[in-house]
Amino acid sequence: MLLSNKMNSPWDFRQGMFILVSFIVVYCSLSAGHMLLVKATVGFDNYLKNDTDFYTKVLLGGQIIKAMAILIAIKFVALNRYQLNWEALGFVKTSTQWILVAVFISLIGLVLRFLLMKWMVTEVPAWIPFVQPPLKDLAISFSILTFFLIFTVVITPIVEEIFFRGFLFKWFAGRKPIWLAALISSAMFGASHIIPPQAISAALMSFLIIYLYVASGSIWPPIVCHIVNNALSIVGNLLASTHLLPDFLMPPGIS
């Protein structure tokens, strides 16, 4: 794999821009519709009463809206409009070896992410609230918790890989060298996580996932890597909230 090479992309510049803009429009429309519905019904004060509401409603709602927007843009614009199938995104068979490599990379990536985030909040203490375990002291129903875990561990990794690697990176790499396409798409992937420590660590993790995508020629290893990484992150957060993580991985400020 030469970083100066380009990839074959099924979308030219205008087509890719149309897909990207379609996603943005659908995402913004769904988000605005959600907020208007909340305002017209229960109101924001009742909607977000405490920290628990933030994680169960804002984070889960955001994941649902993102998944819907990605699937609509990819299925009806990126694929159907240009008479392509899912293989165009990388849904092709891969080997067991690459799946194992994906799991290994997710394990290494998780430890590096924990160490990086701990270093970042040590250097920037104002970021400490951003690295607190999202499942800490959640008094929520089993059904809501189940939906949160399903979206965080399974659905979100799949749709994000479809969009950021299967479409966005591949589209960029069809016009620019792989290294530049990786840099741009990883920066956009990181920015989509919004919260500074998560955004930085996600952008860096994206480079490892792109390696899996390019080297294996399939989107399945990136999906497996992303799923395992998110699952282990949830476990790590639970261990951190109960002070069972090793001290060198514990986020600062956990009470």
Protein backbone atom coordinates (compact mmCIF):
# COMPACT_ATOMS: atom_id res chain seq x y z
CA MET A 1 0.00 0.00 0.00
CA LEU A 2 1.61 3.24 -1.14
CA LEU A 3 0.31 6.32 0.64
CA SER A 4 0.80 8.38 -2.52
CA ASN A 5 -1.53 6.11 -4.52
CA LYS A 6 -5.18 6.78 -5.20
CA MET A 7 -8.14 4.41 -4.99
CA ASN A 8 -10.86 3.67 -7.49
CA SER A 9 -13.96 5.58 -6.44
CA PRO A 10 -17.41 5.03 -7.99
CA TRP A 11 -18.28 8.69 -7.38
CA ASP A 12 -16.78 11.71 -9.13
CA PHE A 13 -16.39 15.09 -7.42
CA ARG A 14 -19.90 16.39 -8.11
CA GLN A 15 -21.56 13.12 -7.19
CA GLY A 16 -19.64 12.93 -3.93
CA MET A 17 -20.52 16.51 -3.06
CA PHE A 18 -24.18 15.79 -3.75
CA ILE A 19 -24.08 12.77 -1.43
CA LEU A 20 -22.31 14.74 1.30
CA VAL A 21 -24.73 17.67 1.06
CA SER A 22 -27.68 15.26 1.05
CA PHE A 23 -26.48 13.75 4.31
CA ILE A 24 -26.00 17.18 5.89
CA VAL A 25 -29.48 18.33 4.82
CA VAL A 26 -31.17 15.15 6.07
CA TYR A 27 -29.23 15.20 9.34
CA CYS A 28 -29.99 18.86 10.03
CA SER A 29 -33.65 18.40 9.09
CA LEU A 30 -34.09 15.41 11.40
CA SER A 31 -32.26 17.18 14.24
CA ALA A 32 -34.33 20.34 13.84
CA GLY A 33 -37.52 18.30 13.65
CA HIS A 34 -36.59 16.50 16.84
CA MET A 35 -35.91 19.73 18.72
CA LEU A 36 -39.12 21.37 17.45
CA LEU A 37 -41.10 18.33 18.54
CA VAL A 38 -39.58 18.51 22.02
CA LYS A 39 -40.28 22.23 22.26
CA ALA A 40 -43.89 21.81 21.15
CA THR A 41 -44.60 18.93 23.53
CA VAL A 42 -42.75 18.45 26.82
CA GLY A 43 -40.41 21.47 26.61
CA PHE A 44 -36.65 21.52 27.04
CA ASP A 45 -36.73 21.98 30.84
CA ASN A 46 -38.69 18.76 31.29
CA TYR A 47 -36.76 17.02 28.53
CA LEU A 48 -33.36 17.59 30.14
CA LYS A 49 -33.89 17.51 33.88
CA ASN A 50 -30.51 16.05 34.85
CA ASP A 51 -27.30 14.42 33.61
CA THR A 52 -29.07 11.11 33.16
CA ASP A 53 -31.43 12.71 30.65
CA PHE A 54 -28.45 14.04 28.69
CA TYR A 55 -27.01 10.60 28.12
CA THR A 56 -30.25 8.74 27.53
CA LYS A 57 -31.96 11.36 25.40
CA VAL A 58 -29.35 13.58 23.77
CA LEU A 59 -26.71 10.94 23.09
CA LEU A 60 -29.12 8.16 22.16
CA GLY A 61 -31.30 10.54 20.15
CA GLY A 62 -28.25 11.87 18.35
CA GLN A 63 -27.11 8.37 17.45
CA ILE A 64 -30.55 7.47 16.10
CA ILE A 65 -30.73 10.62 13.98
CA LYS A 66 -27.18 10.15 12.67
CA ALA A 67 -27.91 6.53 11.73
CA MET A 68 -31.11 7.48 9.91
CA ALA A 69 -29.41 10.31 8.00
CA ILE A 70 -26.48 8.12 6.94
CA LEU A 71 -28.67 5.24 5.79
CA ILE A 72 -30.96 7.56 3.82
CA ALA A 73 -28.07 9.38 2.13
CA ILE A 74 -26.12 6.22 1.36
CA LYS A 75 -28.98 3.94 0.30
CA PHE A 76 -31.05 6.38 -1.76
CA VAL A 77 -28.35 8.78 -3.02
CA ALA A 78 -24.91 7.13 -3.00
CA LEU A 79 -26.16 3.72 -4.15
CA ASN A 80 -29.60 3.81 -5.77
CA ARG A 81 -29.12 7.11 -7.60
CA TYR A 82 -25.90 5.89 -9.25
CA GLN A 83 -27.03 2.27 -9.70
CA LEU A 84 -24.46 0.83 -7.30
CA ASN A 85 -24.69 -2.01 -4.80
CA TRP A 86 -23.24 -2.37 -1.30
CA GLU A 87 -20.00 -3.79 -2.69
CA ALA A 88 -19.13 -0.25 -3.78
CA LEU A 89 -18.73 0.60 -0.08
CA GLY A 90 -16.52 -2.41 0.62
CA PHE A 91 -19.06 -5.05 1.63
CA VAL A 92 -17.05 -7.94 0.26
CA LYS A 93 -15.78 -11.13 1.88
CA THR A 94 -12.68 -10.91 4.01
CA SER A 95 -10.44 -13.44 5.73
CA THR A 96 -10.44 -14.59 9.35
CA GLN A 97 -6.91 -13.23 9.58
CA TRP A 98 -8.08 -9.69 8.93
CA ILE A 99 -10.86 -10.03 11.49
CA LEU A 100 -8.29 -11.08 14.09
CA VAL A 101 -6.05 -8.18 13.09
CA ALA A 102 -9.03 -5.86 13.51
CA VAL A 103 -9.67 -7.16 17.03
CA PHE A 104 -5.99 -6.76 17.93
CA ILE A 105 -5.90 -3.20 16.60
CA SER A 106 -9.05 -2.34 18.55
CA LEU A 107 -7.41 -3.58 21.77
CA ILE A 108 -4.21 -1.63 21.19
CA GLY A 109 -6.17 1.41 20.04
CA LEU A 110 -8.35 1.38 23.15
CA VAL A 111 -5.39 1.39 25.54
CA LEU A 112 -3.71 4.17 23.56
CA ARG A 113 -6.95 6.18 23.55
CA PHE A 114 -7.33 5.84 27.33
CA LEU A 115 -3.74 6.96 27.86
CA LEU A 116 -4.11 9.84 25.39
CA MET A 117 -7.35 11.07 26.97
CA LYS A 118 -5.81 10.86 30.45
CA TRP A 119 -2.83 12.90 29.27
CA MET A 120 -5.08 15.47 27.58
CA VAL A 121 -7.21 16.13 30.68
CA THR A 122 -4.06 16.32 32.79
CA GLU A 123 -2.78 19.06 30.50
CA VAL A 124 -6.22 20.68 30.14
CA PRO A 125 -8.10 20.13 33.45
CA ALA A 126 -11.19 21.90 32.06
CA TRP A 127 -11.75 18.81 29.92
CA ILE A 128 -12.16 16.50 32.94
CA PRO A 129 -16.01 16.55 32.75
CA PHE A 130 -15.75 15.33 29.15
CA VAL A 131 -14.08 12.05 30.10
CA GLN A 132 -16.39 11.01 32.92
CA PRO A 133 -18.02 7.58 32.34
CA PRO A 134 -21.30 8.14 30.44
CA LEU A 135 -22.95 5.22 32.25
CA LYS A 136 -22.03 6.45 35.70
CA ASP A 137 -24.97 6.40 38.16
CA LEU A 138 -27.62 6.03 35.47
CA ALA A 139 -31.00 5.39 37.02
CA ILE A 140 -32.71 4.41 33.79
CA SER A 141 -35.01 1.68 32.62
CA PHE A 142 -33.66 -1.57 31.25
CA SER A 143 -35.21 -0.88 27.83
CA ILE A 144 -33.53 2.53 27.47
CA LEU A 145 -30.20 1.11 28.60
CA THR A 146 -30.57 -1.73 26.09
CA PHE A 147 -31.23 0.70 23.23
CA PHE A 148 -28.27 2.82 24.29
CA LEU A 149 -25.93 -0.18 24.28
CA ILE A 150 -27.27 -1.57 20.97
CA PHE A 151 -26.75 1.75 19.20
CA THR A 152 -23.39 2.53 20.82
CA VAL A 153 -21.87 -0.92 20.34
CA VAL A 154 -23.47 -2.17 17.11
CA ILE A 155 -25.52 0.22 15.00
CA THR A 156 -23.44 3.39 15.29
CA PRO A 157 -20.13 1.65 14.43
CA ILE A 158 -21.70 0.07 11.34
CA VAL A 159 -23.28 3.24 9.96
CA GLU A 160 -20.20 5.35 10.76
CA GLU A 161 -17.95 2.92 8.90
CA ILE A 162 -20.36 2.93 5.95
CA PHE A 163 -20.24 6.71 5.77
CA PHE A 164 -16.74 7.72 6.87
CA ARG A 165 -14.73 4.87 5.36
CA GLY A 166 -17.02 3.26 2.78
CA PHE A 167 -18.07 6.57 1.23
CA LEU A 168 -16.16 9.63 2.47
CA PHE A 169 -12.62 8.26 2.57
CA LYS A 170 -13.10 6.28 -0.64
CA TRP A 171 -14.49 9.34 -2.41
CA PHE A 172 -11.56 11.50 -1.29
CA ALA A 173 -9.05 8.74 -2.12
CA GLY A 174 -10.42 8.57 -5.67
CA ARG A 175 -9.18 12.11 -6.24
CA LYS A 176 -6.36 12.63 -3.74
CA PRO A 177 -3.46 10.49 -2.43
CA ILE A 178 -4.43 7.99 0.23
CA TRP A 179 -2.51 9.87 2.95
CA LEU A 180 -4.38 13.11 2.24
CA ALA A 181 -7.75 11.35 1.99
CA ALA A 182 -7.02 9.67 5.33
CA LEU A 183 -6.07 12.99 6.92
CA ILE A 184 -9.19 14.83 5.72
CA SER A 185 -11.70 12.07 6.42
CA SER A 186 -10.16 11.34 9.84
CA ALA A 187 -10.38 15.02 10.78
CA MET A 188 -14.06 15.02 9.78
CA PHE A 189 -14.66 11.78 11.68
CA GLY A 190 -13.09 13.30 14.77
CA ALA A 191 -15.06 16.53 14.43
CA SER A 192 -18.31 14.53 14.32
CA HIS A 193 -17.65 13.45 17.92
CA ILE A 194 -17.77 17.12 19.04
CA ILE A 195 -16.38 16.62 22.59
CA PRO A 196 -12.68 17.63 22.38
CA PRO A 197 -10.93 14.60 23.97
CA GLN A 198 -13.18 12.16 22.12
CA ALA A 199 -12.79 14.07 18.85
CA ILE A 200 -8.99 13.93 19.00
CA SER A 201 -8.80 10.26 19.98
CA ALA A 202 -11.43 9.29 17.36
CA ALA A 203 -9.51 11.11 14.62
CA LEU A 204 -6.31 9.25 15.53
CA MET A 205 -8.14 5.90 15.76
CA SER A 206 -9.51 6.57 12.29
CA PHE A 207 -6.03 6.20 10.78
CA LEU A 208 -5.79 2.63 12.11
CA ILE A 209 -9.27 1.83 10.81
CA ILE A 210 -8.42 3.25 7.38
CA TYR A 211 -5.36 1.01 7.30
CA LEU A 212 -7.67 -1.99 7.82
CA TYR A 213 -10.01 -0.77 5.09
CA VAL A 214 -7.31 -0.21 2.48
CA ALA A 215 -5.12 -3.20 3.29
CA SER A 216 -7.95 -5.74 3.54
CA GLY A 217 -10.03 -4.33 0.68
CA SER A 218 -13.16 -4.88 2.77
CA ILE A 219 -15.23 -2.80 5.16
CA TRP A 220 -15.84 -5.76 7.50
CA PRO A 221 -12.51 -5.47 9.41
CA PRO A 222 -13.12 -1.74 10.11
CA ILE A 223 -16.65 -2.56 11.31
CA VAL A 224 -15.36 -5.31 13.61
CA CYS A 225 -12.60 -3.04 14.94
CA HIS A 226 -15.09 -0.23 15.61
CA ILE A 227 -17.61 -2.52 17.32
CA VAL A 228 -15.00 -4.16 19.55
CA ASN A 229 -13.50 -0.77 20.40
CA ASN A 230 -16.87 0.70 21.40
CA ALA A 231 -17.81 -2.41 23.38
CA LEU A 232 -14.53 -2.31 25.28
CA SER A 233 -14.95 1.44 25.85
CA ILE A 234 -18.31 0.78 27.53
CA VAL A 235 -16.73 -1.93 29.69
CA GLY A 236 -13.84 0.41 30.50
CA ASN A 237 -16.26 3.17 31.47
CA LEU A 238 -18.15 0.81 33.78
CA LEU A 239 -14.89 -0.35 35.35
CA ALA A 240 -13.78 3.27 35.78
CA SER A 241 -17.05 4.20 37.51
CA THR A 242 -16.48 1.38 40.00
CA HIS A 243 -12.74 2.13 40.35
CA LEU A 244 -11.74 -1.25 38.93
CA LEU A 245 -9.53 0.07 36.13
CA PRO A 246 -5.74 0.08 36.65
CA ASP A 247 -4.58 3.42 38.04
CA PHE A 248 -2.62 4.29 34.89
CA LEU A 249 -5.87 4.14 32.87
CA MET A 250 -8.24 5.80 35.36
CA PRO A 251 -9.59 9.17 34.14
CA PRO A 252 -8.92 12.03 36.59
CA GLY A 253 -11.79 13.34 38.66
CA ILE A 254 -13.70 10.10 39.16
CA SER A 255 -15.40 10.28 42.53
